[in-house]
C-alpha atoms as a PDB file:
ATOM      1  CA  MET A   1      59.637  84.125  65.808  1.00  0.00           C
ATOM      2  CA  ARG A   2      60.572  83.203  62.261  1.00  0.00           C
ATOM      3  CA  ASN A   3      61.943  86.655  61.528  1.00  0.00           C
ATOM      4  CA  GLY A   4      64.229  86.434  64.562  1.00  0.00           C
ATOM      5  CA  ILE A   5      65.598  83.084  63.411  1.00  0.00           C
ATOM      6  CA  PHE A   6      66.160  84.341  59.865  1.00  0.00           C
ATOM      7  CA  ALA A   7      67.789  87.492  61.199  1.00  0.00           C
ATOM      8  CA  SER A   8      70.197  85.547  63.405  1.00  0.00           C
ATOM      9  CA  ILE A   9      71.036  83.174  60.551  1.00  0.00           C
ATOM     10  CA  GLY A  10      71.627  86.174  58.281  1.00  0.00           C
ATOM     11  CA  VAL A  11      73.914  87.836  60.812  1.00  0.00           C
ATOM     12  CA  ALA A  12      75.862  84.585  61.288  1.00  0.00           C
ATOM     13  CA  PHE A  13      76.201  84.224  57.511  1.00  0.00           C
ATOM     14  CA  VAL A  14      77.489  87.783  57.104  1.00  0.00           C
ATOM     15  CA  LEU A  15      79.973  87.319  59.952  1.00  0.00           C
ATOM     16  CA  ALA A  16      81.174  84.031  58.460  1.00  0.00           C
ATOM     17  CA  LEU A  17      81.859  85.674  55.104  1.00  0.00           C
ATOM     18  CA  ALA A  18      83.364  88.864  56.528  1.00  0.00           C
ATOM     19  CA  ILE A  19      87.052  89.560  56.074  1.00  0.00           C
ATOM     20  CA  PRO A  20      88.868  88.632  59.284  1.00  0.00           C
ATOM     21  CA  PRO A  21      90.347  91.558  61.206  1.00  0.00           C
ATOM     22  CA  ALA A  22      94.051  92.261  60.890  1.00  0.00           C
ATOM     23  CA  TYR A  23      95.620  91.213  64.159  1.00  0.00           C
ATOM     24  CA  ALA A  24      98.086  93.567  65.812  1.00  0.00           C
ATOM     25  CA  GLN A  25     101.675  92.523  65.392  1.00  0.00           C
ATOM     26  CA  SER A  26     104.011  93.418  68.192  1.00  0.00           C
ATOM     27  CA  ASN A  27     107.668  94.036  67.581  1.00  0.00           C
ATOM     28  CA  PRO A  28     109.604  90.864  68.408  1.00  0.00           C
ATOM     29  CA  PRO A  29     112.438  91.011  70.931  1.00  0.00           C
ATOM     30  CA  PRO A  30     115.864  91.636  69.343  1.00  0.00           C
ATOM     31  CA  GLY A  31     117.078  88.021  69.669  1.00  0.00           C
ATOM     32  CA  ALA A  32     113.922  86.448  68.216  1.00  0.00           C
ATOM     33  CA  ALA A  33     114.451  87.832  64.719  1.00  0.00           C
ATOM     34  CA  ALA A  34     117.937  86.348  64.481  1.00  0.00           C
ATOM     35  CA  ALA A  35     116.728  82.866  65.415  1.00  0.00           C
ATOM     36  CA  ALA A  36     114.068  82.819  62.694  1.00  0.00           C
ATOM     37  CA  ALA A  37     116.114  84.587  60.026  1.00  0.00           C
ATOM     38  CA  ILE A  38     116.349  83.079  56.569  1.00  0.00           C
ATOM     39  CA  PRO A  39     119.903  81.912  55.894  1.00  0.00           C
ATOM     40  CA  ARG A  40     121.705  84.273  53.558  1.00  0.00           C
ATOM     41  CA  THR A  41     123.498  82.829  50.571  1.00  0.00           C
ATOM     42  CA  GLY A  42     124.708  85.892  48.664  1.00  0.00           C
ATOM     43  CA  ALA A  43     127.363  88.478  49.367  1.00  0.00           C
ATOM     44  CA  GLY A  44     127.853  89.149  53.060  1.00  0.00           C
ATOM     45  CA  ALA A  45     126.567  85.738  54.056  1.00  0.00           C
ATOM     46  CA  GLY A  46     129.617  84.898  56.131  1.00  0.00           C
ATOM     47  CA  SER A  47     132.302  82.354  55.496  1.00  0.00           C
ATOM     48  CA  SER A  48     131.613  78.957  54.041  1.00  0.00           C
ATOM     49  CA  ALA A  49     132.555  77.382  57.366  1.00  0.00           C
ATOM     50  CA  ALA A  50     130.048  79.567  59.223  1.00  0.00           C
ATOM     51  CA  ARG A  51     127.270  78.639  56.794  1.00  0.00           C
ATOM     52  CA  THR A  52     128.202  74.967  57.124  1.00  0.00           C
ATOM     53  CA  ARG A  53     128.095  75.159  60.927  1.00  0.00           C
ATOM     54  CA  HIS A  54     124.734  76.903  60.793  1.00  0.00           C
ATOM     55  CA  ARG A  55     123.311  74.338  58.356  1.00  0.00           C
ATOM     56  CA  ASN A  56     124.614  71.478  60.520  1.00  0.00           C
ATOM     57  CA  THR A  57     123.029  73.038  63.591  1.00  0.00           C
ATOM     58  CA  LEU A  58     119.685  73.357  61.810  1.00  0.00           C
ATOM     59  CA  ASN A  59     119.870  69.769  60.588  1.00  0.00           C
ATOM     60  CA  ARG A  60     120.726  68.554  64.103  1.00  0.00           C
ATOM     61  CA  GLN A  61     117.788  70.494  65.576  1.00  0.00           C
ATOM     62  CA  ARG A  62     115.436  69.132  62.925  1.00  0.00           C
ATOM     63  CA  ALA A  63     116.619  65.562  63.560  1.00  0.00           C
ATOM     64  CA  ARG A  64     116.134  66.001  67.318  1.00  0.00           C
ATOM     65  CA  ALA A  65     112.624  67.383  66.832  1.00  0.00           C
ATOM     66  CA  THR A  66     111.720  64.538  64.465  1.00  0.00           C
ATOM     67  CA  SER A  67     113.042  61.961  66.932  1.00  0.00           C
ATOM     68  CA  GLU A  68     111.110  63.496  69.823  1.00  0.00           C
ATOM     69  CA  HIS A  69     107.948  63.571  67.727  1.00  0.00           C
ATOM     70  CA  ALA A  70     108.353  59.916  66.717  1.00  0.00           C
ATOM     71  CA  ARG A  71     108.946  58.968  70.349  1.00  0.00           C
ATOM     72  CA  HIS A  72     105.825  60.853  71.391  1.00  0.00           C
ATOM     73  CA  VAL A  73     103.737  59.139  68.688  1.00  0.00           C
ATOM     74  CA  ARG A  74     105.004  55.700  69.753  1.00  0.00           C
ATOM     75  CA  GLU A  75     104.204  56.408  73.417  1.00  0.00           C
ATOM     76  CA  THR A  76     100.673  57.600  72.650  1.00  0.00           C
ATOM     77  CA  ARG A  77      99.948  54.506  70.546  1.00  0.00           C
ATOM     78  CA  ARG A  78     100.961  52.160  73.357  1.00  0.00           C
ATOM     79  CA  HIS A  79      98.480  53.476  75.860  1.00  0.00           C
END
């Protein structure tokens, strides 16, 4: 009885300390990589106006997400 308990605790301990498996990474669809791309700032980054439009779009999206989150937090506190 005791040996079974110690064995199961030992197995759980070994599994807890084991290196997690590397998860398979699928290739993203072609449009997904462009949406998550890091903005380029060096040569070939596009015109200044294009970078400004992109930055403004990102800021607008971030502001919208922040506003929606704040609204959600307020609604959950009321109830």
